[in-house]
Amino acid sequence: YLVITVGSDESTAKKYYTDYIERHNDAQEKTLTFKIIVTEDAMV
């Protein structure tokens, strides 16, 4: 899964967590795609 941290200061940074991709045995890779819309410049 992914941890998305917005902000550079650890004490005030906001964290977001994605869904996870489960371990699999399929020949094709599994993907998780989403969009991040930035309205003000931000450290991500």
PDB file of all heavy atoms in Angstrom:
ATOM      1  N   TYR A   1       0.859  -1.176   0.000  1.00  0.00           N
ATOM      2  CA  TYR A   1       0.000   0.000   0.000  1.00  0.00           C
ATOM      3  C   TYR A   1       0.900   1.231   0.000  1.00  0.00           C
ATOM      4  O   TYR A   1       2.123   1.113   0.108  1.00  0.00           O
ATOM      5  CB  TYR A   1      -0.951   0.004   1.201  1.00  0.00           C
ATOM      6  CG  TYR A   1      -0.278   0.123   2.549  1.00  0.00           C
ATOM      7  CD1 TYR A   1      -0.167   1.357   3.186  1.00  0.00           C
ATOM      8  CD2 TYR A   1       0.244  -0.988   3.194  1.00  0.00           C
ATOM      9  CE1 TYR A   1       0.455   1.470   4.424  1.00  0.00           C
ATOM     10  CE2 TYR A   1       0.849  -0.881   4.431  1.00  0.00           C
ATOM     11  CZ  TYR A   1       0.953   0.354   5.043  1.00  0.00           C
ATOM     12  OH  TYR A   1       1.557   0.475   6.259  1.00  0.00           O
ATOM     13  N   LEU A   2       0.302   2.408  -0.140  1.00  0.00           N
ATOM     14  CA  LEU A   2       1.075   3.653  -0.170  1.00  0.00           C
ATOM     15  C   LEU A   2       0.700   4.545   0.991  1.00  0.00           C
ATOM     16  O   LEU A   2      -0.457   4.606   1.396  1.00  0.00           O
ATOM     17  CB  LEU A   2       0.814   4.418  -1.472  1.00  0.00           C
ATOM     18  CG  LEU A   2       1.166   3.717  -2.781  1.00  0.00           C
ATOM     19  CD1 LEU A   2       0.793   4.592  -3.957  1.00  0.00           C
ATOM     20  CD2 LEU A   2       2.641   3.377  -2.815  1.00  0.00           C
ATOM     21  N   VAL A   3       1.694   5.272   1.500  1.00  0.00           N
ATOM     22  CA  VAL A   3       1.476   6.322   2.489  1.00  0.00           C
ATOM     23  C   VAL A   3       1.812   7.628   1.785  1.00  0.00           C
ATOM     24  O   VAL A   3       2.924   7.808   1.283  1.00  0.00           O
ATOM     25  CB  VAL A   3       2.377   6.146   3.731  1.00  0.00           C
ATOM     26  CG1 VAL A   3       2.135   7.279   4.715  1.00  0.00           C
ATOM     27  CG2 VAL A   3       2.140   4.810   4.380  1.00  0.00           C
ATOM     28  N   ILE A   4       0.827   8.529   1.710  1.00  0.00           N
ATOM     29  CA  ILE A   4       1.017   9.825   1.066  1.00  0.00           C
ATOM     30  C   ILE A   4       1.094  10.866   2.168  1.00  0.00           C
ATOM     31  O   ILE A   4       0.139  11.047   2.927  1.00  0.00           O
ATOM     32  CB  ILE A   4      -0.135  10.134   0.100  1.00  0.00           C
ATOM     33  CG1 ILE A   4      -0.245   9.017  -0.933  1.00  0.00           C
ATOM     34  CG2 ILE A   4       0.061  11.489  -0.568  1.00  0.00           C
ATOM     35  CD1 ILE A   4      -1.604   8.838  -1.500  1.00  0.00           C
ATOM     36  N   THR A   5       2.228  11.543   2.277  1.00  0.00           N
ATOM     37  CA  THR A   5       2.436  12.548   3.307  1.00  0.00           C
ATOM     38  C   THR A   5       2.475  13.908   2.639  1.00  0.00           C
ATOM     39  O   THR A   5       3.247  14.132   1.705  1.00  0.00           O
ATOM     40  CB  THR A   5       3.759  12.298   4.059  1.00  0.00           C
ATOM     41  OG1 THR A   5       3.781  10.940   4.499  1.00  0.00           O
ATOM     42  CG2 THR A   5       3.898  13.226   5.242  1.00  0.00           C
ATOM     43  N   VAL A   6       1.625  14.828   3.123  1.00  0.00           N
ATOM     44  CA  VAL A   6       1.571  16.183   2.575  1.00  0.00           C
ATOM     45  C   VAL A   6       2.138  17.121   3.633  1.00  0.00           C
ATOM     46  O   VAL A   6       1.614  17.219   4.734  1.00  0.00           O
ATOM     47  CB  VAL A   6       0.121  16.592   2.221  1.00  0.00           C
ATOM     48  CG1 VAL A   6       0.085  18.005   1.678  1.00  0.00           C
ATOM     49  CG2 VAL A   6      -0.471  15.606   1.231  1.00  0.00           C
ATOM     50  N   GLY A   7       3.215  17.815   3.268  1.00  0.00           N
ATOM     51  CA  GLY A   7       3.904  18.719   4.182  1.00  0.00           C
ATOM     52  C   GLY A   7       5.269  18.162   4.519  1.00  0.00           C
ATOM     53  O   GLY A   7       5.496  16.966   4.502  1.00  0.00           O
ATOM     54  N   SER A   8       6.188  19.078   4.857  1.00  0.00           N
ATOM     55  CA  SER A   8       7.549  18.639   5.149  1.00  0.00           C
ATOM     56  C   SER A   8       7.815  18.512   6.645  1.00  0.00           C
ATOM     57  O   SER A   8       8.708  17.796   7.055  1.00  0.00           O
ATOM     58  CB  SER A   8       8.562  19.606   4.527  1.00  0.00           C
ATOM     59  OG  SER A   8       8.295  20.924   4.967  1.00  0.00           O
ATOM     60  N   ASP A   9       7.014  19.198   7.469  1.00  0.00           N
ATOM     61  CA  ASP A   9       7.182  19.117   8.915  1.00  0.00           C
ATOM     62  C   ASP A   9       6.419  17.903   9.435  1.00  0.00           C
ATOM     63  O   ASP A   9       5.201  17.816   9.281  1.00  0.00           O
ATOM     64  CB  ASP A   9       6.678  20.404   9.582  1.00  0.00           C
ATOM     65  CG  ASP A   9       6.892  20.411  11.083  1.00  0.00           C
ATOM     66  OD1 ASP A   9       7.732  19.620  11.553  1.00  0.00           O
ATOM     67  OD2 ASP A   9       6.228  21.194  11.779  1.00  0.00           O
ATOM     68  N   GLU A  10       7.137  16.974  10.056  1.00  0.00           N
ATOM     69  CA  GLU A  10       6.529  15.707  10.498  1.00  0.00           C
ATOM     70  C   GLU A  10       5.387  15.915  11.490  1.00  0.00           C
ATOM     71  O   GLU A  10       4.415  15.176  11.494  1.00  0.00           O
ATOM     72  CB  GLU A  10       7.609  14.806  11.123  1.00  0.00           C
ATOM     73  CG  GLU A  10       7.180  13.392  11.365  1.00  0.00           C
ATOM     74  CD  GLU A  10       6.902  12.605  10.094  1.00  0.00           C
ATOM     75  OE1 GLU A  10       7.543  12.844   9.075  1.00  0.00           O
ATOM     76  OE2 GLU A  10       6.006  11.746  10.145  1.00  0.00           O
ATOM     77  N   SER A  11       5.476  16.958  12.318  1.00  0.00           N
ATOM     78  CA  SER A  11       4.444  17.156  13.341  1.00  0.00           C
ATOM     79  C   SER A  11       3.140  17.707  12.756  1.00  0.00           C
ATOM     80  O   SER A  11       2.071  17.471  13.309  1.00  0.00           O
ATOM     81  CB  SER A  11       4.959  18.090  14.442  1.00  0.00           C
ATOM     82  OG  SER A  11       5.256  19.366  13.897  1.00  0.00           O
ATOM     83  N   THR A  12       3.195  18.429  11.660  1.00  0.00           N
ATOM     84  CA  THR A  12       1.984  19.002  11.072  1.00  0.00           C
ATOM     85  C   THR A  12       1.583  18.339   9.757  1.00  0.00           C
ATOM     86  O   THR A  12       0.561  18.689   9.187  1.00  0.00           O
ATOM     87  CB  THR A  12       2.169  20.514  10.826  1.00  0.00           C
ATOM     88  OG1 THR A  12       3.278  20.697   9.935  1.00  0.00           O
ATOM     89  CG2 THR A  12       2.402  21.250  12.132  1.00  0.00           C
ATOM     90  N   ALA A  13       2.388  17.397   9.286  1.00  0.00           N
ATOM     91  CA  ALA A  13       2.102  16.741   8.005  1.00  0.00           C
ATOM     92  C   ALA A  13       0.831  15.910   8.106  1.00  0.00           C
ATOM     93  O   ALA A  13       0.528  15.308   9.124  1.00  0.00           O
ATOM     94  CB  ALA A  13       3.274  15.860   7.590  1.00  0.00           C
ATOM     95  N   LYS A  14       0.088  15.893   7.022  1.00  0.00           N
ATOM     96  CA  LYS A  14      -1.147  15.109   6.930  1.00  0.00           C
ATOM     97  C   LYS A  14      -0.818  13.833   6.162  1.00  0.00           C
ATOM     98  O   LYS A  14      -0.162  13.871   5.117  1.00  0.00           O
ATOM     99  CB  LYS A  14      -2.206  15.940   6.201  1.00  0.00           C
ATOM    100  CG  LYS A  14      -3.501  15.249   5.971  1.00  0.00           C
ATOM    101  CD  LYS A  14      -4.411  15.356   7.162  1.00  0.00           C
ATOM    102  CE  LYS A  14      -5.766  14.801   6.754  1.00  0.00           C
ATOM    103  NZ  LYS A  14      -6.554  14.315   7.764  1.00  0.00           N
ATOM    104  N   LYS A  15      -1.262  12.678   6.696  1.00  0.00           N
ATOM    105  CA  LYS A  15      -0.969  11.398   6.044  1.00  0.00           C
ATOM    106  C   LYS A  15      -2.247  10.781   5.507  1.00  0.00           C
ATOM    107  O   LYS A  15      -3.286  10.820   6.152  1.00  0.00           O
ATOM    108  CB  LYS A  15      -0.308  10.429   7.027  1.00  0.00           C
ATOM    109  CG  LYS A  15       1.085  10.848   7.392  1.00  0.00           C
ATOM    110  CD  LYS A  15       1.809   9.781   8.147  1.00  0.00           C
ATOM    111  CE  LYS A  15       3.218  10.256   8.402  1.00  0.00           C
ATOM    112  NZ  LYS A  15       4.098   9.227   8.853  1.00  0.00           N
ATOM    113  N   TYR A  16      -2.127  10.204   4.332  1.00  0.00           N
ATOM    114  CA  TYR A  16      -3.222   9.478   3.683  1.00  0.00           C
ATOM    115  C   TYR A  16      -2.714   8.078   3.366  1.00  0.00           C
ATOM    116  O   TYR A  16      -1.550   7.893   3.046  1.00  0.00           O
ATOM    117  CB  TYR A  16      -3.645  10.183   2.387  1.00  0.00           C
ATOM    118  CG  TYR A  16      -4.076  11.615   2.584  1.00  0.00           C
ATOM    119  CD1 TYR A  16      -3.169  12.652   2.466  1.00  0.00           C
ATOM    120  CD2 TYR A  16      -5.391  11.922   2.892  1.00  0.00           C
ATOM    121  CE1 TYR A  16      -3.557  13.971   2.647  1.00  0.00           C
ATOM    122  CE2 TYR A  16      -5.795  13.238   3.078  1.00  0.00           C
ATOM    123  CZ  TYR A  16      -4.869  14.249   2.958  1.00  0.00           C
ATOM    124  OH  TYR A  16      -5.259  15.550   3.149  1.00  0.00           O
ATOM    125  N   TYR A  17      -3.623   7.105   3.424  1.00  0.00           N
ATOM    126  CA  TYR A  17      -3.264   5.716   3.171  1.00  0.00           C
ATOM    127  C   TYR A  17      -4.152   5.169   2.052  1.00  0.00           C
ATOM    128  O   TYR A  17      -5.356   5.394   2.049  1.00  0.00           O
ATOM    129  CB  TYR A  17      -3.456   4.866   4.434  1.00  0.00           C
ATOM    130  CG  TYR A  17      -2.584   5.338   5.573  1.00  0.00           C
ATOM    131  CD1 TYR A  17      -3.027   6.320   6.459  1.00  0.00           C
ATOM    132  CD2 TYR A  17      -1.312   4.812   5.748  1.00  0.00           C
ATOM    133  CE1 TYR A  17      -2.221   6.761   7.493  1.00  0.00           C
ATOM    134  CE2 TYR A  17      -0.503   5.247   6.783  1.00  0.00           C
ATOM    135  CZ  TYR A  17      -0.967   6.214   7.651  1.00  0.00           C
ATOM    136  OH  TYR A  17      -0.161   6.655   8.666  1.00  0.00           O
ATOM    137  N   THR A  18      -3.530   4.442   1.128  1.00  0.00           N
ATOM    138  CA  THR A  18      -4.286   3.872   0.015  1.00  0.00           C
ATOM    139  C   THR A  18      -4.794   2.484   0.366  1.00  0.00           C
ATOM    140  O   THR A  18      -4.349   1.868   1.332  1.00  0.00           O
ATOM    141  CB  THR A  18      -3.412   3.755  -1.249  1.00  0.00           C
ATOM    142  OG1 THR A  18      -2.378   2.807  -1.001  1.00  0.00           O
ATOM    143  CG2 THR A  18      -2.830   5.089  -1.654  1.00  0.00           C
ATOM    144  N   ASP A  19      -5.711   1.998  -0.461  1.00  0.00           N
ATOM    145  CA  ASP A  19      -6.069   0.589  -0.395  1.00  0.00           C
ATOM    146  C   ASP A  19      -4.804  -0.212  -0.710  1.00  0.00           C
ATOM    147  O   ASP A  19      -3.847   0.322  -1.289  1.00  0.00           O
ATOM    148  CB  ASP A  19      -7.133   0.246  -1.444  1.00  0.00           C
ATOM    149  CG  ASP A  19      -8.527   0.718  -1.040  1.00  0.00           C
ATOM    150  OD1 ASP A  19      -8.747   0.974   0.158  1.00  0.00           O
ATOM    151  OD2 ASP A  19      -9.379   0.834  -1.932  1.00  0.00           O
ATOM    152  N   TYR A  20      -4.804  -1.466  -0.364  1.00  0.00           N
ATOM    153  CA  TYR A  20      -3.637  -2.291  -0.655  1.00  0.00           C
ATOM    154  C   TYR A  20      -3.912  -3.177  -1.861  1.00  0.00           C
ATOM    155  O   TYR A  20      -5.051  -3.448  -2.199  1.00  0.00           O
ATOM    156  CB  TYR A  20      -3.238  -3.139   0.555  1.00  0.00           C
ATOM    157  CG  TYR A  20      -4.239  -4.191   0.935  1.00  0.00           C
ATOM    158  CD1 TYR A  20      -4.124  -5.481   0.449  1.00  0.00           C
ATOM    159  CD2 TYR A  20      -5.307  -3.898   1.767  1.00  0.00           C
ATOM    160  CE1 TYR A  20      -5.049  -6.448   0.789  1.00  0.00           C
ATOM    161  CE2 TYR A  20      -6.232  -4.853   2.115  1.00  0.00           C
ATOM    162  CZ  TYR A  20      -6.101  -6.124   1.620  1.00  0.00           C
ATOM    163  OH  TYR A  20      -7.017  -7.083   1.960  1.00  0.00           O
ATOM    164  N   ILE A  21      -2.840  -3.593  -2.479  1.00  0.00           N
ATOM    165  CA  ILE A  21      -2.930  -4.608  -3.530  1.00  0.00           C
ATOM    166  C   ILE A  21      -2.449  -5.894  -2.886  1.00  0.00           C
ATOM    167  O   ILE A  21      -1.352  -5.962  -2.341  1.00  0.00           O
ATOM    168  CB  ILE A  21      -2.065  -4.268  -4.754  1.00  0.00           C
ATOM    169  CG1 ILE A  21      -2.507  -2.959  -5.386  1.00  0.00           C
ATOM    170  CG2 ILE A  21      -2.142  -5.405  -5.773  1.00  0.00           C
ATOM    171  CD1 ILE A  21      -1.663  -2.533  -6.572  1.00  0.00           C
ATOM    172  N   GLU A  22      -3.304  -6.914  -2.951  1.00  0.00           N
ATOM    173  CA  GLU A  22      -2.991  -8.179  -2.298  1.00  0.00           C
ATOM    174  C   GLU A  22      -2.028  -9.005  -3.137  1.00  0.00           C
ATOM    175  O   GLU A  22      -2.052  -8.947  -4.370  1.00  0.00           O
ATOM    176  CB  GLU A  22      -4.287  -8.955  -2.062  1.00  0.00           C
ATOM    177  CG  GLU A  22      -4.131 -10.102  -1.132  1.00  0.00           C
ATOM    178  CD  GLU A  22      -5.479 -10.685  -0.717  1.00  0.00           C
ATOM    179  OE1 GLU A  22      -6.511 -10.192  -1.150  1.00  0.00           O
ATOM    180  OE2 GLU A  22      -5.464 -11.655   0.033  1.00  0.00           O
ATOM    181  N   ARG A  23      -1.209  -9.764  -2.461  1.00  0.00           N
ATOM    182  CA  ARG A  23      -0.286 -10.689  -3.112  1.00  0.00           C
ATOM    183  C   ARG A  23      -1.076 -11.596  -4.051  1.00  0.00           C
ATOM    184  O   ARG A  23      -2.160 -12.035  -3.718  1.00  0.00           O
ATOM    185  CB  ARG A  23       0.393 -11.535  -2.037  1.00  0.00           C
ATOM    186  CG  ARG A  23       1.417 -12.470  -2.571  1.00  0.00           C
ATOM    187  CD  ARG A  23       1.993 -13.281  -1.406  1.00  0.00           C
ATOM    188  NE  ARG A  23       3.125 -14.042  -1.827  1.00  0.00           N
ATOM    189  CZ  ARG A  23       3.050 -15.129  -2.580  1.00  0.00           C
ATOM    190  NH1 ARG A  23       1.890 -15.578  -2.982  1.00  0.00           N
ATOM    191  NH2 ARG A  23       4.138 -15.775  -2.936  1.00  0.00           N
ATOM    192  N   HIS A  24      -0.537 -11.869  -5.229  1.00  0.00           N
ATOM    193  CA  HIS A  24      -1.265 -12.662  -6.220  1.00  0.00           C
ATOM    194  C   HIS A  24      -0.302 -13.525  -7.020  1.00  0.00           C
ATOM    195  O   HIS A  24       0.908 -13.324  -6.982  1.00  0.00           O
ATOM    196  CB  HIS A  24      -2.068 -11.745  -7.151  1.00  0.00           C
ATOM    197  CG  HIS A  24      -1.201 -10.829  -7.956  1.00  0.00           C
ATOM    198  ND1 HIS A  24      -0.758 -11.157  -9.199  1.00  0.00           N
ATOM    199  CD2 HIS A  24      -0.682  -9.608  -7.678  1.00  0.00           C
ATOM    200  CE1 HIS A  24      -0.012 -10.180  -9.680  1.00  0.00           C
ATOM    201  NE2 HIS A  24       0.058  -9.218  -8.765  1.00  0.00           N
ATOM    202  N   ASN A  25      -0.865 -14.473  -7.744  1.00  0.00           N
ATOM    203  CA  ASN A  25      -0.074 -15.365  -8.591  1.00  0.00           C
ATOM    204  C   ASN A  25      -0.412 -15.197 -10.064  1.00  0.00           C
ATOM    205  O   ASN A  25      -0.058 -16.039 -10.878  1.00  0.00           O
ATOM    206  CB  ASN A  25      -0.281 -16.832  -8.180  1.00  0.00           C
ATOM    207  CG  ASN A  25       0.340 -17.125  -6.840  1.00  0.00           C
ATOM    208  OD1 ASN A  25       1.394 -16.597  -6.516  1.00  0.00           O
ATOM    209  ND2 ASN A  25      -0.316 -17.949  -6.054  1.00  0.00           N
ATOM    210  N   ASP A  26      -1.141 -14.142 -10.405  1.00  0.00           N
ATOM    211  CA  ASP A  26      -1.504 -13.900 -11.802  1.00  0.00           C
ATOM    212  C   ASP A  26      -0.265 -13.486 -12.594  1.00  0.00           C
ATOM    213  O   ASP A  26       0.623 -12.817 -12.077  1.00  0.00           O
ATOM    214  CB  ASP A  26      -2.554 -12.790 -11.900  1.00  0.00           C
ATOM    215  CG  ASP A  26      -3.833 -13.142 -11.157  1.00  0.00           C
ATOM    216  OD1 ASP A  26      -4.064 -14.339 -10.912  1.00  0.00           O
ATOM    217  OD2 ASP A  26      -4.589 -12.214 -10.819  1.00  0.00           O
ATOM    218  N   ALA A  27      -0.238 -13.860 -13.854  1.00  0.00           N
ATOM    219  CA  ALA A  27       0.893 -13.493 -14.706  1.00  0.00           C
ATOM    220  C   ALA A  27       0.924 -11.983 -14.941  1.00  0.00           C
ATOM    221  O   ALA A  27       1.982 -11.384 -15.052  1.00  0.00           O
ATOM    222  CB  ALA A  27       0.807 -14.236 -16.031  1.00  0.00           C
ATOM    223  N   GLN A  28      -0.264 -11.373 -14.990  1.00  0.00           N
ATOM    224  CA  GLN A  28      -0.344  -9.929 -15.250  1.00  0.00           C
ATOM    225  C   GLN A  28      -0.208  -9.160 -13.938  1.00  0.00           C
ATOM    226  O   GLN A  28      -0.743  -9.544 -12.905  1.00  0.00           O
ATOM    227  CB  GLN A  28      -1.686  -9.608 -15.902  1.00  0.00           C
ATOM    228  CG  GLN A  28      -1.776  -8.192 -16.383  1.00  0.00           C
ATOM    229  CD  GLN A  28      -3.044  -7.980 -17.191  1.00  0.00           C
ATOM    230  OE1 GLN A  28      -3.786  -8.902 -17.453  1.00  0.00           O
ATOM    231  NE2 GLN A  28      -3.273  -6.744 -17.581  1.00  0.00           N
ATOM    232  N   GLU A  29       0.506  -8.042 -13.994  1.00  0.00           N
ATOM    233  CA  GLU A  29       0.685  -7.201 -12.809  1.00  0.00           C
ATOM    234  C   GLU A  29      -0.644  -6.583 -12.393  1.00  0.00           C
ATOM    235  O   GLU A  29      -1.497  -6.325 -13.232  1.00  0.00           O
ATOM    236  CB  GLU A  29       1.680  -6.080 -13.113  1.00  0.00           C
ATOM    237  CG  GLU A  29       3.062  -6.577 -13.459  1.00  0.00           C
ATOM    238  CD  GLU A  29       3.987  -5.447 -13.856  1.00  0.00           C
ATOM    239  OE1 GLU A  29       3.510  -4.429 -14.414  1.00  0.00           O
ATOM    240  OE2 GLU A  29       5.193  -5.577 -13.610  1.00  0.00           O
ATOM    241  N   LYS A  30      -0.811  -6.338 -11.096  1.00  0.00           N
ATOM    242  CA  LYS A  30      -2.007  -5.652 -10.606  1.00  0.00           C
ATOM    243  C   LYS A  30      -1.633  -4.201 -10.323  1.00  0.00           C
ATOM    244  O   LYS A  30      -0.526  -3.910  -9.882  1.00  0.00           O
ATOM    245  CB  LYS A  30      -2.522  -6.321  -9.345  1.00  0.00           C
ATOM    246  CG  LYS A  30      -3.016  -7.724  -9.609  1.00  0.00           C
ATOM    247  CD  LYS A  30      -4.156  -8.062  -8.736  1.00  0.00           C
ATOM    248  CE  LYS A  30      -4.672  -9.436  -9.160  1.00  0.00           C
ATOM    249  NZ  LYS A  30      -5.757  -9.887  -8.411  1.00  0.00           N
ATOM    250  N   THR A  31      -2.587  -3.303 -10.593  1.00  0.00           N
ATOM    251  CA  THR A  31      -2.309  -1.878 -10.402  1.00  0.00           C
ATOM    252  C   THR A  31      -3.411  -1.213  -9.589  1.00  0.00           C
ATOM    253  O   THR A  31      -4.543  -1.695  -9.524  1.00  0.00           O
ATOM    254  CB  THR A  31      -2.190  -1.143 -11.755  1.00  0.00           C
ATOM    255  OG1 THR A  31      -3.417  -1.280 -12.459  1.00  0.00           O
ATOM    256  CG2 THR A  31      -1.050  -1.683 -12.589  1.00  0.00           C
ATOM    257  N   LEU A  32      -3.036  -0.093  -8.982  1.00  0.00           N
ATOM    258  CA  LEU A  32      -3.962   0.776  -8.274  1.00  0.00           C
ATOM    259  C   LEU A  32      -3.654   2.182  -8.781  1.00  0.00           C
ATOM    260  O   LEU A  32      -2.512   2.646  -8.665  1.00  0.00           O
ATOM    261  CB  LEU A  32      -3.745   0.697  -6.757  1.00  0.00           C
ATOM    262  CG  LEU A  32      -4.595   1.645  -5.945  1.00  0.00           C
ATOM    263  CD1 LEU A  32      -5.841   0.903  -5.467  1.00  0.00           C
ATOM    264  CD2 LEU A  32      -3.850   2.164  -4.751  1.00  0.00           C
ATOM    265  N   THR A  33      -4.631   2.824  -9.377  1.00  0.00           N
ATOM    266  CA  THR A  33      -4.433   4.149  -9.957  1.00  0.00           C
ATOM    267  C   THR A  33      -5.393   5.134  -9.308  1.00  0.00           C
ATOM    268  O   THR A  33      -6.565   4.832  -9.107  1.00  0.00           O
ATOM    269  CB  THR A  33      -4.680   4.119 -11.486  1.00  0.00           C
ATOM    270  OG1 THR A  33      -3.819   3.125 -12.059  1.00  0.00           O
ATOM    271  CG2 THR A  33      -4.406   5.452 -12.122  1.00  0.00           C
ATOM    272  N   PHE A  34      -4.887   6.323  -8.983  1.00  0.00           N
ATOM    273  CA  PHE A  34      -5.714   7.394  -8.435  1.00  0.00           C
ATOM    274  C   PHE A  34      -5.085   8.731  -8.823  1.00  0.00           C
ATOM    275  O   PHE A  34      -3.979   8.780  -9.354  1.00  0.00           O
ATOM    276  CB  PHE A  34      -5.856   7.259  -6.903  1.00  0.00           C
ATOM    277  CG  PHE A  34      -4.559   7.333  -6.155  1.00  0.00           C
ATOM    278  CD1 PHE A  34      -4.103   8.537  -5.636  1.00  0.00           C
ATOM    279  CD2 PHE A  34      -3.795   6.196  -5.970  1.00  0.00           C
ATOM    280  CE1 PHE A  34      -2.910   8.595  -4.942  1.00  0.00           C
ATOM    281  CE2 PHE A  34      -2.606   6.251  -5.271  1.00  0.00           C
ATOM    282  CZ  PHE A  34      -2.159   7.453  -4.757  1.00  0.00           C
ATOM    283  N   LYS A  35      -5.830   9.804  -8.588  1.00  0.00           N
ATOM    284  CA  LYS A  35      -5.361  11.147  -8.945  1.00  0.00           C
ATOM    285  C   LYS A  35      -5.123  11.971  -7.690  1.00  0.00           C
ATOM    286  O   LYS A  35      -5.832  11.845  -6.704  1.00  0.00           O
ATOM    287  CB  LYS A  35      -6.376  11.837  -9.828  1.00  0.00           C
ATOM    288  CG  LYS A  35      -6.571  11.140 -11.165  1.00  0.00           C
ATOM    289  CD  LYS A  35      -7.246  12.043 -12.154  1.00  0.00           C
ATOM    290  CE  LYS A  35      -7.438  11.367 -13.490  1.00  0.00           C
ATOM    291  NZ  LYS A  35      -6.250  10.954 -14.150  1.00  0.00           N
ATOM    292  N   ILE A  36      -4.105  12.806  -7.760  1.00  0.00           N
ATOM    293  CA  ILE A  36      -3.851  13.805  -6.727  1.00  0.00           C
ATOM    294  C   ILE A  36      -4.056  15.166  -7.389  1.00  0.00           C
ATOM    295  O   ILE A  36      -3.401  15.486  -8.380  1.00  0.00           O
ATOM    296  CB  ILE A  36      -2.423  13.713  -6.158  1.00  0.00           C
ATOM    297  CG1 ILE A  36      -2.211  12.389  -5.455  1.00  0.00           C
ATOM    298  CG2 ILE A  36      -2.146  14.870  -5.201  1.00  0.00           C
ATOM    299  CD1 ILE A  36      -0.815  12.184  -4.904  1.00  0.00           C
ATOM    300  N   ILE A  37      -5.001  15.928  -6.847  1.00  0.00           N
ATOM    301  CA  ILE A  37      -5.268  17.264  -7.373  1.00  0.00           C
ATOM    302  C   ILE A  37      -4.667  18.261  -6.390  1.00  0.00           C
ATOM    303  O   ILE A  37      -5.094  18.346  -5.240  1.00  0.00           O
ATOM    304  CB  ILE A  37      -6.785  17.495  -7.538  1.00  0.00           C
ATOM    305  CG1 ILE A  37      -7.360  16.451  -8.499  1.00  0.00           C
ATOM    306  CG2 ILE A  37      -7.055  18.914  -8.017  1.00  0.00           C
ATOM    307  CD1 ILE A  37      -8.863  16.397  -8.535  1.00  0.00           C
ATOM    308  N   VAL A  38      -3.665  18.994  -6.844  1.00  0.00           N
ATOM    309  CA  VAL A  38      -2.960  19.961  -5.999  1.00  0.00           C
ATOM    310  C   VAL A  38      -3.507  21.344  -6.323  1.00  0.00           C
ATOM    311  O   VAL A  38      -3.424  21.802  -7.465  1.00  0.00           O
ATOM    312  CB  VAL A  38      -1.439  19.895  -6.239  1.00  0.00           C
ATOM    313  CG1 VAL A  38      -0.711  20.882  -5.352  1.00  0.00           C
ATOM    314  CG2 VAL A  38      -0.924  18.486  -6.008  1.00  0.00           C
ATOM    315  N   THR A  39      -4.095  22.020  -5.313  1.00  0.00           N
ATOM    316  CA  THR A  39      -4.646  23.362  -5.518  1.00  0.00           C
ATOM    317  C   THR A  39      -3.654  24.449  -5.122  1.00  0.00           C
ATOM    318  O   THR A  39      -3.744  25.565  -5.611  1.00  0.00           O
ATOM    319  CB  THR A  39      -5.947  23.536  -4.716  1.00  0.00           C
ATOM    320  OG1 THR A  39      -5.683  23.309  -3.342  1.00  0.00           O
ATOM    321  CG2 THR A  39      -7.021  22.581  -5.211  1.00  0.00           C
ATOM    322  N   GLU A  40      -2.718  24.135  -4.241  1.00  0.00           N
ATOM    323  CA  GLU A  40      -1.626  25.038  -3.858  1.00  0.00           C
ATOM    324  C   GLU A  40      -0.352  24.222  -3.870  1.00  0.00           C
ATOM    325  O   GLU A  40      -0.386  23.035  -3.602  1.00  0.00           O
ATOM    326  CB  GLU A  40      -1.821  25.569  -2.429  1.00  0.00           C
ATOM    327  CG  GLU A  40      -3.079  26.319  -2.172  1.00  0.00           C
ATOM    328  CD  GLU A  40      -3.221  26.676  -0.688  1.00  0.00           C
ATOM    329  OE1 GLU A  40      -2.370  26.271   0.134  1.00  0.00           O
ATOM    330  OE2 GLU A  40      -4.197  27.336  -0.362  1.00  0.00           O
ATOM    331  N   ASP A  41       0.770  24.863  -4.166  1.00  0.00           N
ATOM    332  CA  ASP A  41       2.031  24.132  -4.145  1.00  0.00           C
ATOM    333  C   ASP A  41       2.187  23.415  -2.805  1.00  0.00           C
ATOM    334  O   ASP A  41       1.908  23.992  -1.753  1.00  0.00           O
ATOM    335  CB  ASP A  41       3.211  25.075  -4.357  1.00  0.00           C
ATOM    336  CG  ASP A  41       3.236  25.652  -5.769  1.00  0.00           C
ATOM    337  OD1 ASP A  41       2.340  25.309  -6.552  1.00  0.00           O
ATOM    338  OD2 ASP A  41       4.144  26.441  -6.069  1.00  0.00           O
ATOM    339  N   ALA A  42       2.611  22.174  -2.846  1.00  0.00           N
ATOM    340  CA  ALA A  42       2.731  21.384  -1.612  1.00  0.00           C
ATOM    341  C   ALA A  42       3.836  20.346  -1.747  1.00  0.00           C
ATOM    342  O   ALA A  42       4.059  19.800  -2.826  1.00  0.00           O
ATOM    343  CB  ALA A  42       1.412  20.681  -1.307  1.00  0.00           C
ATOM    344  N   MET A  43       4.515  20.104  -0.630  1.00  0.00           N
ATOM    345  CA  MET A  43       5.517  19.033  -0.572  1.00  0.00           C
ATOM    346  C   MET A  43       4.775  17.717  -0.371  1.00  0.00           C
ATOM    347  O   MET A  43       4.028  17.551   0.594  1.00  0.00           O
ATOM    348  CB  MET A  43       6.484  19.266   0.580  1.00  0.00           C
ATOM    349  CG  MET A  43       7.484  18.136   0.775  1.00  0.00           C
ATOM    350  SD  MET A  43       8.494  17.814  -0.675  1.00  0.00           S
ATOM    351  CE  MET A  43       9.781  19.002  -0.452  1.00  0.00           C
ATOM    352  N   VAL A  44       4.956  16.788  -1.311  1.00  0.00           N
ATOM    353  CA  VAL A  44       4.265  15.501  -1.257  1.00  0.00           C
ATOM    354  C   VAL A  44       5.304  14.386  -1.262  1.00  0.00           C
ATOM    355  O   VAL A  44       6.208  14.376  -2.087  1.00  0.00           O
ATOM    356  CB  VAL A  44       3.298  15.339  -2.451  1.00  0.00           C
ATOM    357  CG1 VAL A  44       2.662  13.963  -2.452  1.00  0.00           C
ATOM    358  CG2 VAL A  44       2.232  16.423  -2.432  1.00  0.00           C
TER     359      VAL A  44
END
